[in-house]
Amino acid sequence: MSVLSSPSFLRAVVWFDAATGVLLAALHLALTDTLAEWLGLPVGLVSASGLALIAYAVLAMAIASPRNAPRGLLWLLIVGNAAWALASLGLLLSTAIAPSVWGQAYLVVHVVSVGLLAELQWFCVRRLAMPAMA
């Protein structure tokens, strides 16, 4: 059995996702004004994303806690991560806001890291669904 086919590896990935969500939520909510200024992002966006991250992290922790996570909820995490990565890309390419250089870097990190996390989760869930080779 490959490590990527292991349910315990998938649980570890979901726990990592939850932990980073909590960390980013705390950062966004504790330093809203400072982050908004440094990143060149609207205060409301930084604050709202912090609240969204709390909800996401709670969901991820609930999914990672049981031995066998419900597949439907795992897919919800995957879609959530993909949407976050695409929204970050949209903000980066949008002319509606003008993020600073730090803000552009922050958004690029989100696009790449959250996109890779979604892909890793997708790959793990798909591998769990595959029948064992005889």
C-alpha atoms as a PDB file:
ATOM      1  CA  MET A   1       0.000   0.000   0.000  1.00  0.00           C
ATOM      2  CA  SER A   2       1.325   3.404  -0.997  1.00  0.00           C
ATOM      3  CA  VAL A   3       1.554   6.124   1.634  1.00  0.00           C
ATOM      4  CA  LEU A   4      -0.832   8.174  -0.503  1.00  0.00           C
ATOM      5  CA  SER A   5      -3.391   5.366  -0.281  1.00  0.00           C
ATOM      6  CA  SER A   6      -3.243   5.319   3.488  1.00  0.00           C
ATOM      7  CA  PRO A   7      -6.256   6.690   5.385  1.00  0.00           C
ATOM      8  CA  SER A   8      -3.885   7.852   8.127  1.00  0.00           C
ATOM      9  CA  PHE A   9      -1.928   9.946   5.600  1.00  0.00           C
ATOM     10  CA  LEU A  10      -5.134  11.582   4.406  1.00  0.00           C
ATOM     11  CA  ARG A  11      -6.094  12.314   8.026  1.00  0.00           C
ATOM     12  CA  ALA A  12      -2.666  13.898   8.564  1.00  0.00           C
ATOM     13  CA  VAL A  13      -3.154  16.077   5.472  1.00  0.00           C
ATOM     14  CA  VAL A  14      -6.584  17.193   6.705  1.00  0.00           C
ATOM     15  CA  TRP A  15      -5.171  17.935  10.188  1.00  0.00           C
ATOM     16  CA  PHE A  16      -2.402  20.001   8.549  1.00  0.00           C
ATOM     17  CA  ASP A  17      -5.056  21.841   6.544  1.00  0.00           C
ATOM     18  CA  ALA A  18      -7.038  22.550   9.720  1.00  0.00           C
ATOM     19  CA  ALA A  19      -3.943  23.731  11.611  1.00  0.00           C
ATOM     20  CA  THR A  20      -2.900  26.136   8.869  1.00  0.00           C
ATOM     21  CA  GLY A  21      -6.481  27.397   8.692  1.00  0.00           C
ATOM     22  CA  VAL A  22      -6.474  28.158  12.424  1.00  0.00           C
ATOM     23  CA  LEU A  23      -3.087  29.863  12.169  1.00  0.00           C
ATOM     24  CA  LEU A  24      -4.122  32.038   9.225  1.00  0.00           C
ATOM     25  CA  ALA A  25      -7.493  32.860  10.812  1.00  0.00           C
ATOM     26  CA  ALA A  26      -5.732  34.025  13.973  1.00  0.00           C
ATOM     27  CA  LEU A  27      -3.314  36.096  11.901  1.00  0.00           C
ATOM     28  CA  HIS A  28      -6.091  37.675   9.814  1.00  0.00           C
ATOM     29  CA  LEU A  29      -8.262  38.483  12.838  1.00  0.00           C
ATOM     30  CA  ALA A  30      -5.551  39.604  15.274  1.00  0.00           C
ATOM     31  CA  LEU A  31      -3.691  41.778  12.768  1.00  0.00           C
ATOM     32  CA  THR A  32      -6.478  42.809  10.409  1.00  0.00           C
ATOM     33  CA  ASP A  33      -5.517  46.466  10.004  1.00  0.00           C
ATOM     34  CA  THR A  34      -1.780  45.823   9.885  1.00  0.00           C
ATOM     35  CA  LEU A  35      -2.135  43.027   7.323  1.00  0.00           C
ATOM     36  CA  ALA A  36      -4.502  45.094   5.199  1.00  0.00           C
ATOM     37  CA  GLU A  37      -1.964  47.918   5.139  1.00  0.00           C
ATOM     38  CA  TRP A  38       1.060  45.701   4.404  1.00  0.00           C
ATOM     39  CA  LEU A  39      -0.694  43.619   1.789  1.00  0.00           C
ATOM     40  CA  GLY A  40      -2.672  46.407   0.166  1.00  0.00           C
ATOM     41  CA  LEU A  41      -5.904  44.466   0.619  1.00  0.00           C
ATOM     42  CA  PRO A  42      -9.217  45.847   1.883  1.00  0.00           C
ATOM     43  CA  VAL A  43      -9.709  45.553   5.665  1.00  0.00           C
ATOM     44  CA  GLY A  44     -13.099  43.901   5.099  1.00  0.00           C
ATOM     45  CA  LEU A  45     -11.533  41.230   2.901  1.00  0.00           C
ATOM     46  CA  VAL A  46      -8.837  40.397   5.458  1.00  0.00           C
ATOM     47  CA  SER A  47     -11.418  40.264   8.255  1.00  0.00           C
ATOM     48  CA  ALA A  48     -13.952  38.218   6.271  1.00  0.00           C
ATOM     49  CA  SER A  49     -11.290  35.763   5.159  1.00  0.00           C
ATOM     50  CA  GLY A  50     -10.272  35.289   8.801  1.00  0.00           C
ATOM     51  CA  LEU A  51     -13.861  34.403   9.722  1.00  0.00           C
ATOM     52  CA  ALA A  52     -14.151  32.071   6.732  1.00  0.00           C
ATOM     53  CA  LEU A  53     -10.917  30.359   7.753  1.00  0.00           C
ATOM     54  CA  ILE A  54     -12.289  29.700  11.245  1.00  0.00           C
ATOM     55  CA  ALA A  55     -15.356  27.990   9.778  1.00  0.00           C
ATOM     56  CA  TYR A  56     -13.196  26.012   7.359  1.00  0.00           C
ATOM     57  CA  ALA A  57     -10.761  24.921  10.078  1.00  0.00           C
ATOM     58  CA  VAL A  58     -13.594  23.749  12.338  1.00  0.00           C
ATOM     59  CA  LEU A  59     -15.008  21.694   9.460  1.00  0.00           C
ATOM     60  CA  ALA A  60     -11.566  20.238   8.677  1.00  0.00           C
ATOM     61  CA  MET A  61     -11.035  19.277  12.341  1.00  0.00           C
ATOM     62  CA  ALA A  62     -14.440  17.601  12.438  1.00  0.00           C
ATOM     63  CA  ILE A  63     -13.587  15.640   9.292  1.00  0.00           C
ATOM     64  CA  ALA A  64     -10.125  14.620  10.502  1.00  0.00           C
ATOM     65  CA  SER A  65     -11.304  13.482  13.941  1.00  0.00           C
ATOM     66  CA  PRO A  66     -13.188  10.252  13.143  1.00  0.00           C
ATOM     67  CA  ARG A  67     -11.292   7.191  11.931  1.00  0.00           C
ATOM     68  CA  ASN A  68     -13.167   7.125   8.616  1.00  0.00           C
ATOM     69  CA  ALA A  69     -14.057  10.575   7.354  1.00  0.00           C
ATOM     70  CA  PRO A  70     -17.218  10.819   5.238  1.00  0.00           C
ATOM     71  CA  ARG A  71     -16.228  11.085   1.581  1.00  0.00           C
ATOM     72  CA  GLY A  72     -18.785  13.802   0.856  1.00  0.00           C
ATOM     73  CA  LEU A  73     -17.257  16.068   3.480  1.00  0.00           C
ATOM     74  CA  LEU A  74     -13.762  15.341   2.165  1.00  0.00           C
ATOM     75  CA  TRP A  75     -14.925  16.460  -1.269  1.00  0.00           C
ATOM     76  CA  LEU A  76     -16.307  19.611   0.345  1.00  0.00           C
ATOM     77  CA  LEU A  77     -12.809  20.399   1.679  1.00  0.00           C
ATOM     78  CA  ILE A  78     -11.271  19.748  -1.713  1.00  0.00           C
ATOM     79  CA  VAL A  79     -13.755  22.038  -3.452  1.00  0.00           C
ATOM     80  CA  GLY A  80     -13.240  24.670  -0.724  1.00  0.00           C
ATOM     81  CA  ASN A  81      -9.491  24.618  -1.220  1.00  0.00           C
ATOM     82  CA  ALA A  82      -9.809  24.774  -4.996  1.00  0.00           C
ATOM     83  CA  ALA A  83     -12.224  27.710  -4.688  1.00  0.00           C
ATOM     84  CA  TRP A  84      -9.851  29.511  -2.283  1.00  0.00           C
ATOM     85  CA  ALA A  85      -6.946  29.059  -4.716  1.00  0.00           C
ATOM     86  CA  LEU A  86      -9.038  30.306  -7.643  1.00  0.00           C
ATOM     87  CA  ALA A  87     -10.347  33.270  -5.636  1.00  0.00           C
ATOM     88  CA  SER A  88      -6.772  34.174  -4.684  1.00  0.00           C
ATOM     89  CA  LEU A  89      -5.786  33.993  -8.357  1.00  0.00           C
ATOM     90  CA  GLY A  90      -8.796  36.142  -9.246  1.00  0.00           C
ATOM     91  CA  LEU A  91      -7.737  38.773  -6.712  1.00  0.00           C
ATOM     92  CA  LEU A  92      -4.200  38.680  -8.046  1.00  0.00           C
ATOM     93  CA  LEU A  93      -5.355  39.238 -11.629  1.00  0.00           C
ATOM     94  CA  SER A  94      -8.170  41.642 -10.808  1.00  0.00           C
ATOM     95  CA  THR A  95      -7.969  45.365 -11.374  1.00  0.00           C
ATOM     96  CA  ALA A  96     -10.566  45.962  -8.618  1.00  0.00           C
ATOM     97  CA  ILE A  97      -7.857  45.955  -5.940  1.00  0.00           C
ATOM     98  CA  ALA A  98      -4.199  46.898  -6.040  1.00  0.00           C
ATOM     99  CA  PRO A  99      -2.274  44.654  -3.655  1.00  0.00           C
ATOM    100  CA  SER A 100       1.215  45.713  -2.673  1.00  0.00           C
ATOM    101  CA  VAL A 101       4.200  43.617  -3.704  1.00  0.00           C
ATOM    102  CA  TRP A 102       3.825  41.791  -0.359  1.00  0.00           C
ATOM    103  CA  GLY A 103       0.135  41.303  -1.092  1.00  0.00           C
ATOM    104  CA  GLN A 104       0.895  39.902  -4.523  1.00  0.00           C
ATOM    105  CA  ALA A 105       3.411  37.489  -3.000  1.00  0.00           C
ATOM    106  CA  TYR A 106       0.870  36.515  -0.314  1.00  0.00           C
ATOM    107  CA  LEU A 107      -1.751  35.776  -2.960  1.00  0.00           C
ATOM    108  CA  VAL A 108       0.716  33.763  -5.076  1.00  0.00           C
ATOM    109  CA  VAL A 109       1.593  31.675  -2.004  1.00  0.00           C
ATOM    110  CA  HIS A 110      -2.132  31.032  -1.460  1.00  0.00           C
ATOM    111  CA  VAL A 111      -2.708  30.086  -5.099  1.00  0.00           C
ATOM    112  CA  VAL A 112       0.173  27.605  -5.117  1.00  0.00           C
ATOM    113  CA  SER A 113      -0.020  26.137  -1.605  1.00  0.00           C
ATOM    114  CA  VAL A 114      -3.806  25.838  -1.349  1.00  0.00           C
ATOM    115  CA  GLY A 115      -4.014  24.550  -4.911  1.00  0.00           C
ATOM    116  CA  LEU A 116      -1.413  21.887  -4.136  1.00  0.00           C
ATOM    117  CA  LEU A 117      -3.225  20.992  -0.926  1.00  0.00           C
ATOM    118  CA  ALA A 118      -6.496  20.541  -2.849  1.00  0.00           C
ATOM    119  CA  GLU A 119      -4.720  18.366  -5.376  1.00  0.00           C
ATOM    120  CA  LEU A 120      -3.066  16.245  -2.675  1.00  0.00           C
ATOM    121  CA  GLN A 121      -6.403  15.753  -0.915  1.00  0.00           C
ATOM    122  CA  TRP A 122      -8.079  14.908  -4.228  1.00  0.00           C
ATOM    123  CA  PHE A 123      -5.372  12.395  -5.073  1.00  0.00           C
ATOM    124  CA  CYS A 124      -5.617  10.740  -1.638  1.00  0.00           C
ATOM    125  CA  VAL A 125      -9.407  10.487  -1.752  1.00  0.00           C
ATOM    126  CA  ARG A 126      -9.265   9.034  -5.259  1.00  0.00           C
ATOM    127  CA  ARG A 127      -6.615   6.490  -4.203  1.00  0.00           C
ATOM    128  CA  LEU A 128      -8.766   5.401  -1.254  1.00  0.00           C
ATOM    129  CA  ALA A 129     -11.629   4.760  -3.654  1.00  0.00           C
ATOM    130  CA  MET A 130      -9.552   2.564  -5.965  1.00  0.00           C
ATOM    131  CA  PRO A 131      -9.854  -1.199  -5.492  1.00  0.00           C
ATOM    132  CA  ALA A 132      -6.746  -3.041  -4.356  1.00  0.00           C
ATOM    133  CA  MET A 133      -4.691  -4.687  -7.077  1.00  0.00           C
ATOM    134  CA  ALA A 134      -4.605  -8.470  -6.909  1.00  0.00           C
END
